[in-house]
Amino acid sequence: MPEAIDPYLADYANLRDVELRKSMEAEHGLFIAEGEKVIRRAVAAGYPVRSVLLTSRWAEPLADLLGPLGDRVHVVDDAVMEDVTGFQVHRGALAAMERLPLPSVGEILAGRGTGRAPAEHVAPRRVLVLEDLVDHGNVGAIFRCAAALGVEAVILSPRCADPLYRRSVKVSMGAVFAIPYARMADWYAGLAELRGAGFQTLALTPDQSATPMDKVTMAGRVALLLGSEGDGLSSRWLREADEAVCIPMSPAAMGLGVDSLNVVAAAAIACHGLMRAG
């Protein structure tokens, strides 16, 4: 980063270096929101703004948010923006945001830790549980599907990608701020906590011998389990789930060797099915 640039812009340095950013953001308790719509959604969700880095054409559209920030607003030209971040920022505005304390799984399942007043706590009836999804774009896209289709909470296994990493936030279009989520402290006993909270657990699998998603009987609280991009759900979670479910594939497609969907497409269809009896 050039010496002439304000040292506070270190929050925005090397945004394309995934490993560096993950360690840096965890250490400093921050995340980056990109674009006017996502920045506004982050602010509306209660995340404090550390600073904003933007090009001049975005100063007026964001004026109402920028006013109270004073010298924490940095207006630069496109060349400086690219030099600091390491890539061309097409949306022209970045905000470094403070992370909020992450609620526990138990709090989320009880409807607490969501930012709502105690009188407004509503325990979720339909949740997604993501096991070891490591692609930030996939995690963001699944949050967007969940928000669009009415899923009420997301639970992450310990090794899942960070929903507040810049690409997750960007792909989700801010949906990561709309759905309460928590990260399991213990993968091994994670499903036991869900069962203890009264959830029926459904394990999504490409195995066509499983119960079709549109035929499964759902009653009460239901958690849909989605596995990693390559290997799917672990054998432990498949074995522990109350029922394995699948998305029926076309016989013609199966004949062509197309026997499954990518995890985002599968999540969208499965979320729709999950909410049919919500």
C-alpha atoms as a PDB file:
ATOM      1  CA  MET A   1       0.000   0.000   0.000  1.00  0.00           C
ATOM      2  CA  PRO A   2       1.516   3.410  -0.968  1.00  0.00           C
ATOM      3  CA  GLU A   3       2.866   5.456   1.937  1.00  0.00           C
ATOM      4  CA  ALA A   4       0.760   8.475   0.903  1.00  0.00           C
ATOM      5  CA  ILE A   5      -2.464   6.595   1.617  1.00  0.00           C
ATOM      6  CA  ASP A   6      -4.066   7.109   5.012  1.00  0.00           C
ATOM      7  CA  PRO A   7      -3.043   4.209   7.298  1.00  0.00           C
ATOM      8  CA  TYR A   8      -6.706   3.701   8.198  1.00  0.00           C
ATOM      9  CA  LEU A   9      -7.120   2.318   4.691  1.00  0.00           C
ATOM     10  CA  ALA A  10      -5.263  -0.787   5.855  1.00  0.00           C
ATOM     11  CA  ASP A  11      -8.740  -2.262   6.455  1.00  0.00           C
ATOM     12  CA  TYR A  12      -9.161  -2.377   2.667  1.00  0.00           C
ATOM     13  CA  ALA A  13      -5.717  -3.645   1.638  1.00  0.00           C
ATOM     14  CA  ASN A  14      -5.315  -6.813  -0.437  1.00  0.00           C
ATOM     15  CA  LEU A  15      -8.980  -7.782  -0.526  1.00  0.00           C
ATOM     16  CA  ARG A  16      -8.293 -10.614  -2.985  1.00  0.00           C
ATOM     17  CA  ASP A  17      -5.811 -12.387  -0.698  1.00  0.00           C
ATOM     18  CA  VAL A  18      -8.234 -14.822   0.950  1.00  0.00           C
ATOM     19  CA  GLU A  19      -5.954 -16.275   3.625  1.00  0.00           C
ATOM     20  CA  LEU A  20      -4.547 -12.883   4.607  1.00  0.00           C
ATOM     21  CA  ARG A  21      -8.020 -11.348   4.793  1.00  0.00           C
ATOM     22  CA  LYS A  22      -9.454 -14.202   6.858  1.00  0.00           C
ATOM     23  CA  SER A  23      -6.752 -13.862   9.504  1.00  0.00           C
ATOM     24  CA  MET A  24      -6.785 -10.063   9.429  1.00  0.00           C
ATOM     25  CA  GLU A  25     -10.565  -9.733   9.674  1.00  0.00           C
ATOM     26  CA  ALA A  26     -10.746 -12.244  12.516  1.00  0.00           C
ATOM     27  CA  GLU A  27      -7.973 -10.413  14.385  1.00  0.00           C
ATOM     28  CA  HIS A  28      -9.521  -6.967  13.994  1.00  0.00           C
ATOM     29  CA  GLY A  29     -13.183  -7.971  14.232  1.00  0.00           C
ATOM     30  CA  LEU A  30     -14.203  -6.413  10.923  1.00  0.00           C
ATOM     31  CA  PHE A  31     -15.722  -7.286   7.574  1.00  0.00           C
ATOM     32  CA  ILE A  32     -16.095  -5.469   4.260  1.00  0.00           C
ATOM     33  CA  ALA A  33     -19.433  -4.514   2.686  1.00  0.00           C
ATOM     34  CA  GLU A  34     -19.316  -3.668  -1.025  1.00  0.00           C
ATOM     35  CA  GLY A  35     -21.788  -1.504  -2.932  1.00  0.00           C
ATOM     36  CA  GLU A  36     -24.472   0.952  -1.836  1.00  0.00           C
ATOM     37  CA  LYS A  37     -27.268  -1.608  -1.354  1.00  0.00           C
ATOM     38  CA  VAL A  38     -25.149  -3.989   0.724  1.00  0.00           C
ATOM     39  CA  ILE A  39     -23.676  -1.172   2.829  1.00  0.00           C
ATOM     40  CA  ARG A  40     -27.158   0.132   3.603  1.00  0.00           C
ATOM     41  CA  ARG A  41     -28.358  -3.341   4.547  1.00  0.00           C
ATOM     42  CA  ALA A  42     -25.399  -3.815   6.884  1.00  0.00           C
ATOM     43  CA  VAL A  43     -26.063  -0.473   8.578  1.00  0.00           C
ATOM     44  CA  ALA A  44     -29.792  -1.251   8.864  1.00  0.00           C
ATOM     45  CA  ALA A  45     -28.893  -4.569  10.522  1.00  0.00           C
ATOM     46  CA  GLY A  46     -26.995  -2.680  13.223  1.00  0.00           C
ATOM     47  CA  TYR A  47     -23.375  -3.220  12.223  1.00  0.00           C
ATOM     48  CA  PRO A  48     -21.239  -0.177  13.195  1.00  0.00           C
ATOM     49  CA  VAL A  49     -19.282   1.512  10.392  1.00  0.00           C
ATOM     50  CA  ARG A  50     -15.520   1.811  10.934  1.00  0.00           C
ATOM     51  CA  SER A  51     -14.910   3.764   7.726  1.00  0.00           C
ATOM     52  CA  VAL A  52     -15.956   4.072   4.090  1.00  0.00           C
ATOM     53  CA  LEU A  53     -13.736   4.052   1.000  1.00  0.00           C
ATOM     54  CA  LEU A  54     -15.416   5.252  -2.185  1.00  0.00           C
ATOM     55  CA  THR A  55     -14.998   7.071  -5.453  1.00  0.00           C
ATOM     56  CA  SER A  56     -16.474  10.541  -5.851  1.00  0.00           C
ATOM     57  CA  ARG A  57     -19.517   9.480  -7.887  1.00  0.00           C
ATOM     58  CA  TRP A  58     -20.853   7.545  -4.863  1.00  0.00           C
ATOM     59  CA  ALA A  59     -20.505  10.410  -2.398  1.00  0.00           C
ATOM     60  CA  GLU A  60     -23.927  11.876  -3.188  1.00  0.00           C
ATOM     61  CA  PRO A  61     -25.961   8.607  -3.231  1.00  0.00           C
ATOM     62  CA  LEU A  62     -24.493   7.705   0.175  1.00  0.00           C
ATOM     63  CA  ALA A  63     -24.514  11.226   1.607  1.00  0.00           C
ATOM     64  CA  ASP A  64     -27.043  10.451   4.348  1.00  0.00           C
ATOM     65  CA  LEU A  65     -24.832   7.684   5.709  1.00  0.00           C
ATOM     66  CA  LEU A  66     -21.529   9.480   5.221  1.00  0.00           C
ATOM     67  CA  GLY A  67     -22.405  12.706   7.039  1.00  0.00           C
ATOM     68  CA  PRO A  68     -22.036  11.412  10.620  1.00  0.00           C
ATOM     69  CA  LEU A  69     -18.763   9.609   9.802  1.00  0.00           C
ATOM     70  CA  GLY A  70     -16.652  12.731   9.361  1.00  0.00           C
ATOM     71  CA  ASP A  71     -13.000  11.945   8.683  1.00  0.00           C
ATOM     72  CA  ARG A  72     -13.746   8.216   8.479  1.00  0.00           C
ATOM     73  CA  VAL A  73     -14.917   8.784   4.879  1.00  0.00           C
ATOM     74  CA  HIS A  74     -12.144   8.414   2.285  1.00  0.00           C
ATOM     75  CA  VAL A  75     -12.943   9.622  -1.240  1.00  0.00           C
ATOM     76  CA  VAL A  76     -10.342   8.464  -3.762  1.00  0.00           C
ATOM     77  CA  ASP A  77     -10.052   8.038  -7.509  1.00  0.00           C
ATOM     78  CA  ASP A  78     -10.385   4.695  -9.285  1.00  0.00           C
ATOM     79  CA  ALA A  79      -6.625   4.188  -9.537  1.00  0.00           C
ATOM     80  CA  VAL A  80      -6.092   4.581  -5.788  1.00  0.00           C
ATOM     81  CA  MET A  81      -9.072   2.333  -5.044  1.00  0.00           C
ATOM     82  CA  GLU A  82      -7.582  -0.402  -7.218  1.00  0.00           C
ATOM     83  CA  ASP A  83      -4.094   0.128  -5.778  1.00  0.00           C
ATOM     84  CA  VAL A  84      -5.327  -0.283  -2.196  1.00  0.00           C
ATOM     85  CA  THR A  85      -7.707  -3.202  -2.709  1.00  0.00           C
ATOM     86  CA  GLY A  86      -5.841  -5.105  -5.405  1.00  0.00           C
ATOM     87  CA  PHE A  87      -8.707  -5.181  -7.921  1.00  0.00           C
ATOM     88  CA  GLN A  88     -11.137  -2.942  -9.794  1.00  0.00           C
ATOM     89  CA  VAL A  89     -14.061  -2.210  -7.475  1.00  0.00           C
ATOM     90  CA  HIS A  90     -16.973  -2.017  -9.902  1.00  0.00           C
ATOM     91  CA  ARG A  91     -19.526  -0.918  -7.295  1.00  0.00           C
ATOM     92  CA  GLY A  92     -17.300   2.003  -6.293  1.00  0.00           C
ATOM     93  CA  ALA A  93     -17.933   1.944  -2.532  1.00  0.00           C
ATOM     94  CA  LEU A  94     -16.589  -0.178   0.316  1.00  0.00           C
ATOM     95  CA  ALA A  95     -17.335   0.027   4.015  1.00  0.00           C
ATOM     96  CA  ALA A  96     -15.287  -1.519   6.799  1.00  0.00           C
ATOM     97  CA  MET A  97     -17.837  -2.695   9.362  1.00  0.00           C
ATOM     98  CA  GLU A  98     -17.472  -3.880  12.951  1.00  0.00           C
ATOM     99  CA  ARG A  99     -18.592  -7.445  13.590  1.00  0.00           C
ATOM    100  CA  LEU A 100     -21.214  -8.075  16.248  1.00  0.00           C
ATOM    101  CA  PRO A 101     -20.943 -10.903  18.793  1.00  0.00           C
ATOM    102  CA  LEU A 102     -22.158 -14.145  17.239  1.00  0.00           C
ATOM    103  CA  PRO A 103     -24.991 -15.804  19.182  1.00  0.00           C
ATOM    104  CA  SER A 104     -24.760 -19.444  20.180  1.00  0.00           C
ATOM    105  CA  VAL A 105     -26.670 -22.179  18.392  1.00  0.00           C
ATOM    106  CA  GLY A 106     -28.933 -22.533  21.429  1.00  0.00           C
ATOM    107  CA  GLU A 107     -29.775 -18.831  21.383  1.00  0.00           C
ATOM    108  CA  ILE A 108     -30.629 -18.912  17.688  1.00  0.00           C
ATOM    109  CA  LEU A 109     -32.828 -22.006  18.051  1.00  0.00           C
ATOM    110  CA  ALA A 110     -34.659 -20.328  20.938  1.00  0.00           C
ATOM    111  CA  GLY A 111     -35.222 -17.153  18.914  1.00  0.00           C
ATOM    112  CA  ARG A 112     -32.751 -15.124  20.974  1.00  0.00           C
ATOM    113  CA  GLY A 113     -29.566 -13.420  19.780  1.00  0.00           C
ATOM    114  CA  THR A 114     -31.386 -12.007  16.753  1.00  0.00           C
ATOM    115  CA  GLY A 115     -31.368  -8.331  17.683  1.00  0.00           C
ATOM    116  CA  ARG A 116     -35.076  -8.390  18.473  1.00  0.00           C
ATOM    117  CA  ALA A 117     -36.567  -7.228  21.735  1.00  0.00           C
ATOM    118  CA  PRO A 118     -37.329 -10.086  24.178  1.00  0.00           C
ATOM    119  CA  ALA A 119     -41.068  -9.727  23.575  1.00  0.00           C
ATOM    120  CA  GLU A 120     -40.451 -10.304  19.850  1.00  0.00           C
ATOM    121  CA  HIS A 121     -38.395 -13.498  20.179  1.00  0.00           C
ATOM    122  CA  VAL A 122     -39.796 -16.142  17.847  1.00  0.00           C
ATOM    123  CA  ALA A 123     -38.179 -19.571  17.766  1.00  0.00           C
ATOM    124  CA  PRO A 124     -37.495 -20.651  14.159  1.00  0.00           C
ATOM    125  CA  ARG A 125     -39.395 -23.632  12.715  1.00  0.00           C
ATOM    126  CA  ARG A 126     -37.386 -24.073   9.522  1.00  0.00           C
ATOM    127  CA  VAL A 127     -33.576 -23.885   9.518  1.00  0.00           C
ATOM    128  CA  LEU A 128     -30.689 -24.819   7.243  1.00  0.00           C
ATOM    129  CA  VAL A 129     -27.617 -26.551   8.637  1.00  0.00           C
ATOM    130  CA  LEU A 130     -24.465 -26.289   6.500  1.00  0.00           C
ATOM    131  CA  GLU A 131     -21.723 -28.858   6.994  1.00  0.00           C
ATOM    132  CA  ASP A 132     -18.240 -27.877   5.812  1.00  0.00           C
ATOM    133  CA  LEU A 133     -19.156 -25.682   2.845  1.00  0.00           C
ATOM    134  CA  VAL A 134     -15.858 -23.910   2.210  1.00  0.00           C
ATOM    135  CA  ASP A 135     -16.640 -21.785  -0.859  1.00  0.00           C
ATOM    136  CA  HIS A 136     -17.572 -18.267   0.249  1.00  0.00           C
ATOM    137  CA  GLY A 137     -19.637 -17.634  -2.873  1.00  0.00           C
ATOM    138  CA  ASN A 138     -21.700 -20.772  -2.281  1.00  0.00           C
ATOM    139  CA  VAL A 139     -22.353 -19.824   1.334  1.00  0.00           C
ATOM    140  CA  GLY A 140     -23.482 -16.337   0.285  1.00  0.00           C
ATOM    141  CA  ALA A 141     -25.725 -17.727  -2.462  1.00  0.00           C
ATOM    142  CA  ILE A 142     -27.338 -20.200  -0.054  1.00  0.00           C
ATOM    143  CA  PHE A 143     -28.070 -17.396   2.415  1.00  0.00           C
ATOM    144  CA  ARG A 144     -29.738 -15.506  -0.428  1.00  0.00           C
ATOM    145  CA  CYS A 145     -31.858 -18.559  -1.320  1.00  0.00           C
ATOM    146  CA  ALA A 146     -32.783 -19.053   2.330  1.00  0.00           C
ATOM    147  CA  ALA A 147     -33.818 -15.422   2.768  1.00  0.00           C
ATOM    148  CA  ALA A 148     -35.843 -15.390  -0.450  1.00  0.00           C
ATOM    149  CA  LEU A 149     -37.744 -18.548   0.430  1.00  0.00           C
ATOM    150  CA  GLY A 150     -38.462 -17.817   4.087  1.00  0.00           C
ATOM    151  CA  VAL A 151     -35.975 -20.003   5.961  1.00  0.00           C
ATOM    152  CA  GLU A 152     -35.688 -18.512   9.440  1.00  0.00           C
ATOM    153  CA  ALA A 153     -32.136 -19.360  10.560  1.00  0.00           C
ATOM    154  CA  VAL A 154     -28.875 -20.933   9.397  1.00  0.00           C
ATOM    155  CA  ILE A 155     -26.539 -23.067  11.494  1.00  0.00           C
ATOM    156  CA  LEU A 156     -22.925 -23.557  10.373  1.00  0.00           C
ATOM    157  CA  SER A 157     -20.572 -26.404  11.195  1.00  0.00           C
ATOM    158  CA  PRO A 158     -17.217 -25.284  12.656  1.00  0.00           C
ATOM    159  CA  ARG A 159     -15.385 -25.535   9.313  1.00  0.00           C
ATOM    160  CA  CYS A 160     -17.929 -23.679   7.166  1.00  0.00           C
ATOM    161  CA  ALA A 161     -16.829 -20.561   5.305  1.00  0.00           C
ATOM    162  CA  ASP A 162     -17.446 -17.192   6.932  1.00  0.00           C
ATOM    163  CA  PRO A 163     -20.774 -15.608   5.859  1.00  0.00           C
ATOM    164  CA  LEU A 164     -19.265 -12.159   6.484  1.00  0.00           C
ATOM    165  CA  TYR A 165     -16.290 -12.645   4.200  1.00  0.00           C
ATOM    166  CA  ARG A 166     -16.505 -10.053   1.391  1.00  0.00           C
ATOM    167  CA  ARG A 167     -17.456 -12.499  -1.377  1.00  0.00           C
ATOM    168  CA  SER A 168     -20.140 -14.145   0.778  1.00  0.00           C
ATOM    169  CA  VAL A 169     -21.665 -10.773   1.597  1.00  0.00           C
ATOM    170  CA  LYS A 170     -21.478  -9.626  -2.034  1.00  0.00           C
ATOM    171  CA  VAL A 171     -23.020 -12.781  -3.525  1.00  0.00           C
ATOM    172  CA  SER A 172     -25.777 -12.819  -0.898  1.00  0.00           C
ATOM    173  CA  MET A 173     -26.629  -9.164  -1.708  1.00  0.00           C
ATOM    174  CA  GLY A 174     -26.721  -8.562   2.041  1.00  0.00           C
ATOM    175  CA  ALA A 175     -28.959 -11.546   2.845  1.00  0.00           C
ATOM    176  CA  VAL A 176     -26.340 -12.625   5.397  1.00  0.00           C
ATOM    177  CA  PHE A 177     -27.592  -9.679   7.486  1.00  0.00           C
ATOM    178  CA  ALA A 178     -31.228 -10.722   7.211  1.00  0.00           C
ATOM    179  CA  ILE A 179     -31.092 -14.280   8.560  1.00  0.00           C
ATOM    180  CA  PRO A 180     -29.939 -15.095  12.104  1.00  0.00           C
ATOM    181  CA  TYR A 181     -27.082 -17.582  12.110  1.00  0.00           C
ATOM    182  CA  ALA A 182     -24.692 -19.281  14.507  1.00  0.00           C
ATOM    183  CA  ARG A 183     -21.676 -21.552  14.314  1.00  0.00           C
ATOM    184  CA  MET A 184     -21.539 -24.896  16.090  1.00  0.00           C
ATOM    185  CA  ALA A 185     -18.849 -25.252  18.721  1.00  0.00           C
ATOM    186  CA  ASP A 186     -18.867 -29.049  18.376  1.00  0.00           C
ATOM    187  CA  TRP A 187     -19.482 -30.778  15.028  1.00  0.00           C
ATOM    188  CA  TYR A 188     -19.561 -34.231  16.610  1.00  0.00           C
ATOM    189  CA  ALA A 189     -22.540 -33.442  18.848  1.00  0.00           C
ATOM    190  CA  GLY A 190     -24.101 -30.782  16.637  1.00  0.00           C
ATOM    191  CA  LEU A 191     -27.149 -32.738  15.561  1.00  0.00           C
ATOM    192  CA  ALA A 192     -27.858 -33.801  19.139  1.00  0.00           C
ATOM    193  CA  GLU A 193     -28.381 -30.143  20.042  1.00  0.00           C
ATOM    194  CA  LEU A 194     -30.863 -29.764  17.178  1.00  0.00           C
ATOM    195  CA  ARG A 195     -32.750 -32.863  18.247  1.00  0.00           C
ATOM    196  CA  GLY A 196     -32.752 -31.614  21.821  1.00  0.00           C
ATOM    197  CA  ALA A 197     -34.467 -28.455  20.598  1.00  0.00           C
ATOM    198  CA  GLY A 198     -37.190 -30.558  18.976  1.00  0.00           C
ATOM    199  CA  PHE A 199     -36.013 -30.500  15.349  1.00  0.00           C
ATOM    200  CA  GLN A 200     -36.656 -33.213  12.804  1.00  0.00           C
ATOM    201  CA  THR A 201     -33.404 -33.492  10.837  1.00  0.00           C
ATOM    202  CA  LEU A 202     -33.486 -34.126   7.076  1.00  0.00           C
ATOM    203  CA  ALA A 203     -30.228 -34.980   5.306  1.00  0.00           C
ATOM    204  CA  LEU A 204     -30.148 -33.908   1.645  1.00  0.00           C
ATOM    205  CA  THR A 205     -28.353 -36.463  -0.517  1.00  0.00           C
ATOM    206  CA  PRO A 206     -28.079 -37.160  -4.279  1.00  0.00           C
ATOM    207  CA  ASP A 207     -28.935 -40.808  -3.557  1.00  0.00           C
ATOM    208  CA  GLN A 208     -32.152 -41.390  -5.491  1.00  0.00           C
ATOM    209  CA  SER A 209     -33.210 -44.168  -3.125  1.00  0.00           C
ATOM    210  CA  ALA A 210     -33.806 -41.540  -0.422  1.00  0.00           C
ATOM    211  CA  THR A 211     -37.265 -40.055   0.198  1.00  0.00           C
ATOM    212  CA  PRO A 212     -38.117 -37.437  -2.460  1.00  0.00           C
ATOM    213  CA  MET A 213     -38.147 -33.971  -0.933  1.00  0.00           C
ATOM    214  CA  ASP A 214     -41.749 -33.403  -2.012  1.00  0.00           C
ATOM    215  CA  LYS A 215     -42.899 -36.637  -0.351  1.00  0.00           C
ATOM    216  CA  VAL A 216     -41.316 -36.272   3.074  1.00  0.00           C
ATOM    217  CA  THR A 217     -43.654 -35.783   6.037  1.00  0.00           C
ATOM    218  CA  MET A 218     -42.718 -32.691   8.016  1.00  0.00           C
ATOM    219  CA  ALA A 219     -44.258 -31.836  11.351  1.00  0.00           C
ATOM    220  CA  GLY A 220     -43.140 -29.246  13.867  1.00  0.00           C
ATOM    221  CA  ARG A 221     -39.599 -27.923  13.635  1.00  0.00           C
ATOM    222  CA  VAL A 222     -37.435 -29.091  10.728  1.00  0.00           C
ATOM    223  CA  ALA A 223     -33.713 -28.693  10.010  1.00  0.00           C
ATOM    224  CA  LEU A 224     -32.422 -29.415   6.497  1.00  0.00           C
ATOM    225  CA  LEU A 225     -28.777 -30.554   6.372  1.00  0.00           C
ATOM    226  CA  LEU A 226     -26.622 -29.606   3.357  1.00  0.00           C
ATOM    227  CA  GLY A 227     -23.146 -31.057   2.827  1.00  0.00           C
ATOM    228  CA  SER A 228     -19.895 -29.848   1.346  1.00  0.00           C
ATOM    229  CA  GLU A 229     -19.441 -28.995  -2.321  1.00  0.00           C
ATOM    230  CA  GLY A 230     -17.465 -32.118  -3.203  1.00  0.00           C
ATOM    231  CA  ASP A 231     -18.285 -34.929  -0.805  1.00  0.00           C
ATOM    232  CA  GLY A 232     -21.732 -33.959   0.436  1.00  0.00           C
ATOM    233  CA  LEU A 233     -22.757 -34.761   3.994  1.00  0.00           C
ATOM    234  CA  SER A 234     -20.461 -36.778   6.212  1.00  0.00           C
ATOM    235  CA  SER A 235     -21.376 -40.388   6.901  1.00  0.00           C
ATOM    236  CA  ARG A 236     -21.935 -39.482  10.547  1.00  0.00           C
ATOM    237  CA  TRP A 237     -24.529 -36.821   9.800  1.00  0.00           C
ATOM    238  CA  LEU A 238     -26.226 -39.011   7.182  1.00  0.00           C
ATOM    239  CA  ARG A 239     -26.450 -41.801   9.732  1.00  0.00           C
ATOM    240  CA  GLU A 240     -27.655 -39.565  12.583  1.00  0.00           C
ATOM    241  CA  ALA A 241     -30.293 -37.656  10.606  1.00  0.00           C
ATOM    242  CA  ASP A 242     -33.913 -38.659  11.073  1.00  0.00           C
ATOM    243  CA  GLU A 243     -34.365 -39.143   7.342  1.00  0.00           C
ATOM    244  CA  ALA A 244     -32.370 -38.908   4.115  1.00  0.00           C
ATOM    245  CA  VAL A 245     -34.111 -36.892   1.388  1.00  0.00           C
ATOM    246  CA  CYS A 246     -33.330 -36.257  -2.261  1.00  0.00           C
ATOM    247  CA  ILE A 247     -34.324 -34.060  -5.166  1.00  0.00           C
ATOM    248  CA  PRO A 248     -35.700 -36.446  -7.827  1.00  0.00           C
ATOM    249  CA  MET A 249     -33.639 -36.326 -11.012  1.00  0.00           C
ATOM    250  CA  SER A 250     -34.967 -36.816 -14.533  1.00  0.00           C
ATOM    251  CA  PRO A 251     -34.332 -40.363 -15.816  1.00  0.00           C
ATOM    252  CA  ALA A 252     -33.178 -38.832 -19.088  1.00  0.00           C
ATOM    253  CA  ALA A 253     -30.644 -36.684 -17.270  1.00  0.00           C
ATOM    254  CA  MET A 254     -29.461 -39.658 -15.259  1.00  0.00           C
ATOM    255  CA  GLY A 255     -28.906 -41.502 -18.526  1.00  0.00           C
ATOM    256  CA  LEU A 256     -26.612 -38.681 -19.621  1.00  0.00           C
ATOM    257  CA  GLY A 257     -24.621 -38.910 -16.409  1.00  0.00           C
ATOM    258  CA  VAL A 258     -26.228 -35.866 -14.775  1.00  0.00           C
ATOM    259  CA  ASP A 259     -27.088 -37.390 -11.420  1.00  0.00           C
ATOM    260  CA  SER A 260     -26.949 -34.374  -9.111  1.00  0.00           C
ATOM    261  CA  LEU A 261     -27.127 -30.581  -8.868  1.00  0.00           C
ATOM    262  CA  ASN A 262     -24.549 -28.156  -7.558  1.00  0.00           C
ATOM    263  CA  VAL A 263     -25.027 -27.274  -3.922  1.00  0.00           C
ATOM    264  CA  VAL A 264     -26.573 -23.835  -4.554  1.00  0.00           C
ATOM    265  CA  ALA A 265     -29.173 -25.111  -7.032  1.00  0.00           C
ATOM    266  CA  ALA A 266     -29.952 -28.011  -4.713  1.00  0.00           C
ATOM    267  CA  ALA A 267     -30.291 -25.625  -1.778  1.00  0.00           C
ATOM    268  CA  ALA A 268     -32.769 -23.428  -3.644  1.00  0.00           C
ATOM    269  CA  ILE A 269     -35.011 -26.351  -4.601  1.00  0.00           C
ATOM    270  CA  ALA A 270     -34.720 -27.950  -1.165  1.00  0.00           C
ATOM    271  CA  CYS A 271     -35.525 -24.652   0.607  1.00  0.00           C
ATOM    272  CA  HIS A 272     -38.686 -24.356  -1.471  1.00  0.00           C
ATOM    273  CA  GLY A 273     -39.639 -27.867  -0.432  1.00  0.00           C
ATOM    274  CA  LEU A 274     -38.724 -27.198   3.172  1.00  0.00           C
ATOM    275  CA  MET A 275     -41.104 -24.249   3.353  1.00  0.00           C
ATOM    276  CA  ARG A 276     -44.107 -25.955   1.741  1.00  0.00           C
ATOM    277  CA  ALA A 277     -45.322 -27.044   5.187  1.00  0.00           C
ATOM    278  CA  GLY A 278     -43.729 -24.195   7.111  1.00  0.00           C
END
